[in-house]
């Protein structure tokens, strides 16, 4: 696994008897991940847009034992109401550190809700860490992808809890 290949991780849940609008209202709360045990500990809107819209920006404050605390600016780059929203995290000058998304696909008996994230392609603190240990690039990325997967599963578990549905994990 190489940083330059922009590895991606995804988690999905099939939710029965749920309308896309109900899921959309939950996943478009940019503070949703702050209510789980992931590294995102705070968010705040930046600029005049204070809602999910293309071009809207927010700051995410993250914290981990290994890296300490850091803040990253995010920008919403794609919105399809009740279906999908995508945001990038990282530097506008060197390219995104990561791209994140929530997607909602209607099914005949509910929805599939999905969260995914793609690493890179811009220069990032993770890329800097890899540069100091190029022989461990695959392991560093695998660990990061594992952390992201666990955080995304916690986010989808919280979505299920807020909707009060109990459905099996998909994918």
C-alpha atoms as a PDB file:
ATOM      1  CA  UNK A   1       0.000   0.000   0.000  1.00  0.00           C
ATOM      2  CA  UNK A   2       1.458   3.351  -1.067  1.00  0.00           C
ATOM      3  CA  UNK A   3       0.416   6.908  -0.199  1.00  0.00           C
ATOM      4  CA  UNK A   4       0.724   7.926  -3.841  1.00  0.00           C
ATOM      5  CA  UNK A   5      -1.975   5.356  -4.723  1.00  0.00           C
ATOM      6  CA  UNK A   6      -4.552   7.236  -2.585  1.00  0.00           C
ATOM      7  CA  UNK A   7      -5.816   4.209  -0.611  1.00  0.00           C
ATOM      8  CA  UNK A   8      -9.498   4.222   0.302  1.00  0.00           C
ATOM      9  CA  UNK A   9     -11.489   2.663   3.135  1.00  0.00           C
ATOM     10  CA  UNK A  10     -15.274   2.284   3.321  1.00  0.00           C
ATOM     11  CA  UNK A  11     -17.868   1.127   5.842  1.00  0.00           C
ATOM     12  CA  UNK A  12     -21.547   0.476   5.034  1.00  0.00           C
ATOM     13  CA  UNK A  13     -24.714  -0.381   6.916  1.00  0.00           C
ATOM     14  CA  UNK A  14     -28.051  -1.518   5.541  1.00  0.00           C
ATOM     15  CA  UNK A  15     -30.827   0.166   7.498  1.00  0.00           C
ATOM     16  CA  UNK A  16     -34.350  -1.185   7.147  1.00  0.00           C
ATOM     17  CA  UNK A  17     -37.547   0.872   7.280  1.00  0.00           C
ATOM     18  CA  UNK A  18     -35.649   4.174   7.199  1.00  0.00           C
ATOM     19  CA  UNK A  19     -36.174   7.106   4.841  1.00  0.00           C
ATOM     20  CA  UNK A  20     -33.127   8.763   3.234  1.00  0.00           C
ATOM     21  CA  UNK A  21     -34.180  12.127   4.714  1.00  0.00           C
ATOM     22  CA  UNK A  22     -33.877  10.762   8.274  1.00  0.00           C
ATOM     23  CA  UNK A  23     -30.336   9.502   7.655  1.00  0.00           C
ATOM     24  CA  UNK A  24     -29.392  12.712   5.807  1.00  0.00           C
ATOM     25  CA  UNK A  25     -30.375  14.831   8.817  1.00  0.00           C
ATOM     26  CA  UNK A  26     -27.968  12.844  10.985  1.00  0.00           C
ATOM     27  CA  UNK A  27     -24.961  12.439   8.674  1.00  0.00           C
ATOM     28  CA  UNK A  28     -24.981  16.115   7.656  1.00  0.00           C
ATOM     29  CA  UNK A  29     -24.343  17.146  11.252  1.00  0.00           C
ATOM     30  CA  UNK A  30     -20.615  17.894  10.928  1.00  0.00           C
ATOM     31  CA  UNK A  31     -20.246  17.297  14.668  1.00  0.00           C
ATOM     32  CA  UNK A  32     -21.521  13.688  14.402  1.00  0.00           C
ATOM     33  CA  UNK A  33     -18.041  12.090  14.704  1.00  0.00           C
ATOM     34  CA  UNK A  34     -17.273  14.119  17.840  1.00  0.00           C
ATOM     35  CA  UNK A  35     -19.847  11.978  19.657  1.00  0.00           C
ATOM     36  CA  UNK A  36     -17.856   8.761  19.135  1.00  0.00           C
ATOM     37  CA  UNK A  37     -14.411   7.648  20.302  1.00  0.00           C
ATOM     38  CA  UNK A  38     -12.636   8.739  17.094  1.00  0.00           C
ATOM     39  CA  UNK A  39      -9.923  11.372  16.860  1.00  0.00           C
ATOM     40  CA  UNK A  40     -12.236  14.229  15.774  1.00  0.00           C
ATOM     41  CA  UNK A  41     -12.944  16.137  18.987  1.00  0.00           C
ATOM     42  CA  UNK A  42     -14.378  19.422  17.733  1.00  0.00           C
ATOM     43  CA  UNK A  43     -15.730  21.208  14.669  1.00  0.00           C
ATOM     44  CA  UNK A  44     -16.699  24.759  13.837  1.00  0.00           C
ATOM     45  CA  UNK A  45     -17.959  26.431  10.695  1.00  0.00           C
ATOM     46  CA  UNK A  46     -15.650  28.941   8.976  1.00  0.00           C
ATOM     47  CA  UNK A  47     -16.970  31.794   6.850  1.00  0.00           C
ATOM     48  CA  UNK A  48     -20.515  32.790   5.974  1.00  0.00           C
ATOM     49  CA  UNK A  49     -21.853  29.335   5.055  1.00  0.00           C
ATOM     50  CA  UNK A  50     -23.015  27.537   8.185  1.00  0.00           C
ATOM     51  CA  UNK A  51     -24.625  24.515   6.560  1.00  0.00           C
ATOM     52  CA  UNK A  52     -23.916  21.682   4.144  1.00  0.00           C
ATOM     53  CA  UNK A  53     -23.297  23.388   0.783  1.00  0.00           C
ATOM     54  CA  UNK A  54     -20.596  23.225  -1.864  1.00  0.00           C
ATOM     55  CA  UNK A  55     -17.824  25.617  -0.852  1.00  0.00           C
ATOM     56  CA  UNK A  56     -18.770  25.689   2.836  1.00  0.00           C
ATOM     57  CA  UNK A  57     -15.762  25.300   5.111  1.00  0.00           C
ATOM     58  CA  UNK A  58     -15.246  24.063   8.640  1.00  0.00           C
ATOM     59  CA  UNK A  59     -12.348  23.424  10.994  1.00  0.00           C
ATOM     60  CA  UNK A  60     -11.890  20.006  12.499  1.00  0.00           C
ATOM     61  CA  UNK A  61      -9.874  19.632  15.684  1.00  0.00           C
ATOM     62  CA  UNK A  62      -8.371  16.174  16.084  1.00  0.00           C
ATOM     63  CA  UNK A  63      -6.495  14.493  18.886  1.00  0.00           C
ATOM     64  CA  UNK A  64      -4.595  11.221  19.188  1.00  0.00           C
ATOM     65  CA  UNK A  65      -2.039   9.743  21.559  1.00  0.00           C
ATOM     66  CA  UNK A  66       0.579   9.458  18.825  1.00  0.00           C
ATOM     67  CA  UNK A  67       0.178  12.856  17.136  1.00  0.00           C
ATOM     68  CA  UNK A  68      -1.218  15.108  19.840  1.00  0.00           C
ATOM     69  CA  UNK A  69      -3.781  17.730  18.806  1.00  0.00           C
ATOM     70  CA  UNK A  70      -4.091  19.392  15.408  1.00  0.00           C
ATOM     71  CA  UNK A  71      -6.627  21.373  13.412  1.00  0.00           C
ATOM     72  CA  UNK A  72      -7.402  20.956   9.729  1.00  0.00           C
ATOM     73  CA  UNK A  73      -9.571  23.044   7.429  1.00  0.00           C
ATOM     74  CA  UNK A  74     -12.179  21.146   5.448  1.00  0.00           C
ATOM     75  CA  UNK A  75     -14.219  22.194   2.434  1.00  0.00           C
ATOM     76  CA  UNK A  76     -17.413  20.642   1.158  1.00  0.00           C
ATOM     77  CA  UNK A  77     -16.850  19.849  -2.506  1.00  0.00           C
ATOM     78  CA  UNK A  78     -19.964  17.916  -3.529  1.00  0.00           C
ATOM     79  CA  UNK A  79     -23.556  17.789  -2.310  1.00  0.00           C
ATOM     80  CA  UNK A  80     -26.470  15.752  -3.630  1.00  0.00           C
ATOM     81  CA  UNK A  81     -29.266  16.319  -1.071  1.00  0.00           C
ATOM     82  CA  UNK A  82     -30.451  13.214   0.759  1.00  0.00           C
ATOM     83  CA  UNK A  83     -27.909  11.190  -1.224  1.00  0.00           C
ATOM     84  CA  UNK A  84     -24.265  12.266  -0.839  1.00  0.00           C
ATOM     85  CA  UNK A  85     -21.904  14.857   0.516  1.00  0.00           C
ATOM     86  CA  UNK A  86     -18.147  14.935   0.085  1.00  0.00           C
ATOM     87  CA  UNK A  87     -15.517  17.083   1.770  1.00  0.00           C
ATOM     88  CA  UNK A  88     -11.775  17.460   1.580  1.00  0.00           C
ATOM     89  CA  UNK A  89      -9.439  17.961   4.513  1.00  0.00           C
ATOM     90  CA  UNK A  90      -6.087  19.659   4.276  1.00  0.00           C
ATOM     91  CA  UNK A  91      -4.235  22.305   2.385  1.00  0.00           C
ATOM     92  CA  UNK A  92      -5.741  24.173  -0.543  1.00  0.00           C
ATOM     93  CA  UNK A  93      -2.213  24.889  -1.818  1.00  0.00           C
ATOM     94  CA  UNK A  94      -0.722  21.379  -1.684  1.00  0.00           C
ATOM     95  CA  UNK A  95      -3.899  19.388  -2.319  1.00  0.00           C
ATOM     96  CA  UNK A  96      -6.192  17.565   0.093  1.00  0.00           C
ATOM     97  CA  UNK A  97      -4.752  15.372   2.810  1.00  0.00           C
ATOM     98  CA  UNK A  98      -7.888  13.294   2.496  1.00  0.00           C
ATOM     99  CA  UNK A  99     -11.340  13.185   0.936  1.00  0.00           C
ATOM    100  CA  UNK A 100     -14.276  12.012   3.035  1.00  0.00           C
ATOM    101  CA  UNK A 101     -17.911  11.273   2.199  1.00  0.00           C
ATOM    102  CA  UNK A 102     -21.237  10.037   3.407  1.00  0.00           C
ATOM    103  CA  UNK A 103     -23.552   8.399   0.863  1.00  0.00           C
ATOM    104  CA  UNK A 104     -27.127   7.197   1.202  1.00  0.00           C
ATOM    105  CA  UNK A 105     -28.573   4.731  -1.305  1.00  0.00           C
ATOM    106  CA  UNK A 106     -32.306   3.991  -1.142  1.00  0.00           C
ATOM    107  CA  UNK A 107     -33.318   0.332  -1.241  1.00  0.00           C
ATOM    108  CA  UNK A 108     -36.795  -1.210  -1.537  1.00  0.00           C
ATOM    109  CA  UNK A 109     -36.853  -1.674   2.265  1.00  0.00           C
ATOM    110  CA  UNK A 110     -34.754   1.190   3.628  1.00  0.00           C
ATOM    111  CA  UNK A 111     -31.314   2.547   2.780  1.00  0.00           C
ATOM    112  CA  UNK A 112     -27.649   1.671   2.660  1.00  0.00           C
ATOM    113  CA  UNK A 113     -25.596   4.346   4.387  1.00  0.00           C
ATOM    114  CA  UNK A 114     -21.903   4.461   3.608  1.00  0.00           C
ATOM    115  CA  UNK A 115     -18.947   6.473   4.844  1.00  0.00           C
ATOM    116  CA  UNK A 116     -15.674   6.372   2.940  1.00  0.00           C
ATOM    117  CA  UNK A 117     -12.361   8.193   2.984  1.00  0.00           C
ATOM    118  CA  UNK A 118      -9.469   8.411   0.551  1.00  0.00           C
ATOM    119  CA  UNK A 119      -5.947   9.279   1.677  1.00  0.00           C
ATOM    120  CA  UNK A 120      -4.054  12.024  -0.156  1.00  0.00           C
ATOM    121  CA  UNK A 121      -3.055  13.000  -2.722  1.00  0.00           C
ATOM    122  CA  UNK A 122      -1.702  16.227  -1.203  1.00  0.00           C
ATOM    123  CA  UNK A 123       1.232  16.577   1.113  1.00  0.00           C
ATOM    124  CA  UNK A 124       0.133  15.926   4.685  1.00  0.00           C
ATOM    125  CA  UNK A 125       1.500  15.277   8.157  1.00  0.00           C
ATOM    126  CA  UNK A 126       1.072  11.546   7.448  1.00  0.00           C
ATOM    127  CA  UNK A 127       3.147  11.910   4.270  1.00  0.00           C
ATOM    128  CA  UNK A 128       5.829  13.609   6.370  1.00  0.00           C
ATOM    129  CA  UNK A 129       5.836  10.694   8.809  1.00  0.00           C
ATOM    130  CA  UNK A 130       6.138   8.256   5.917  1.00  0.00           C
ATOM    131  CA  UNK A 131       9.076  10.254   4.525  1.00  0.00           C
ATOM    132  CA  UNK A 132      10.979   9.632   7.766  1.00  0.00           C
ATOM    133  CA  UNK A 133      10.263   5.868   7.605  1.00  0.00           C
ATOM    134  CA  UNK A 134       9.809   4.931   3.926  1.00  0.00           C
ATOM    135  CA  UNK A 135      10.564   1.295   4.722  1.00  0.00           C
ATOM    136  CA  UNK A 136       7.400   1.217   6.888  1.00  0.00           C
ATOM    137  CA  UNK A 137       5.062   3.035   4.477  1.00  0.00           C
ATOM    138  CA  UNK A 138       2.698   0.088   4.016  1.00  0.00           C
ATOM    139  CA  UNK A 139       2.434  -0.522   7.769  1.00  0.00           C
ATOM    140  CA  UNK A 140       1.895   3.179   8.536  1.00  0.00           C
ATOM    141  CA  UNK A 141      -0.886   3.428   5.963  1.00  0.00           C
ATOM    142  CA  UNK A 142      -2.481   0.135   7.029  1.00  0.00           C
ATOM    143  CA  UNK A 143      -2.657   1.376  10.608  1.00  0.00           C
ATOM    144  CA  UNK A 144      -4.163   4.713   9.493  1.00  0.00           C
ATOM    145  CA  UNK A 145      -6.747   2.929   7.345  1.00  0.00           C
ATOM    146  CA  UNK A 146      -7.590   0.667  10.291  1.00  0.00           C
ATOM    147  CA  UNK A 147      -8.069   3.674  12.567  1.00  0.00           C
ATOM    148  CA  UNK A 148     -10.303   5.333   9.982  1.00  0.00           C
ATOM    149  CA  UNK A 149     -12.342   2.158   9.490  1.00  0.00           C
ATOM    150  CA  UNK A 150     -12.952   1.878  13.249  1.00  0.00           C
ATOM    151  CA  UNK A 151     -13.981   5.549  13.470  1.00  0.00           C
ATOM    152  CA  UNK A 152     -16.308   5.262  10.490  1.00  0.00           C
ATOM    153  CA  UNK A 153     -17.940   2.148  11.942  1.00  0.00           C
ATOM    154  CA  UNK A 154     -18.467   4.044  15.200  1.00  0.00           C
ATOM    155  CA  UNK A 155     -20.096   6.869  13.198  1.00  0.00           C
ATOM    156  CA  UNK A 156     -22.486   4.467  11.465  1.00  0.00           C
ATOM    157  CA  UNK A 157     -23.231   2.736  14.756  1.00  0.00           C
ATOM    158  CA  UNK A 158     -24.201   6.146  16.142  1.00  0.00           C
ATOM    159  CA  UNK A 159     -26.422   6.777  13.115  1.00  0.00           C
ATOM    160  CA  UNK A 160     -28.193   3.475  13.829  1.00  0.00           C
ATOM    161  CA  UNK A 161     -28.531   4.372  17.502  1.00  0.00           C
ATOM    162  CA  UNK A 162     -30.036   7.767  16.705  1.00  0.00           C
ATOM    163  CA  UNK A 163     -32.468   6.114  14.303  1.00  0.00           C
ATOM    164  CA  UNK A 164     -33.122   3.320  16.838  1.00  0.00           C
ATOM    165  CA  UNK A 165     -32.573   0.577  14.270  1.00  0.00           C
ATOM    166  CA  UNK A 166     -30.641  -2.623  14.677  1.00  0.00           C
ATOM    167  CA  UNK A 167     -29.309  -4.048  11.417  1.00  0.00           C
ATOM    168  CA  UNK A 168     -26.357  -6.224  10.450  1.00  0.00           C
ATOM    169  CA  UNK A 169     -23.086  -4.736   9.207  1.00  0.00           C
ATOM    170  CA  UNK A 170     -22.606  -4.806   5.416  1.00  0.00           C
ATOM    171  CA  UNK A 171     -19.082  -4.831   3.909  1.00  0.00           C
END
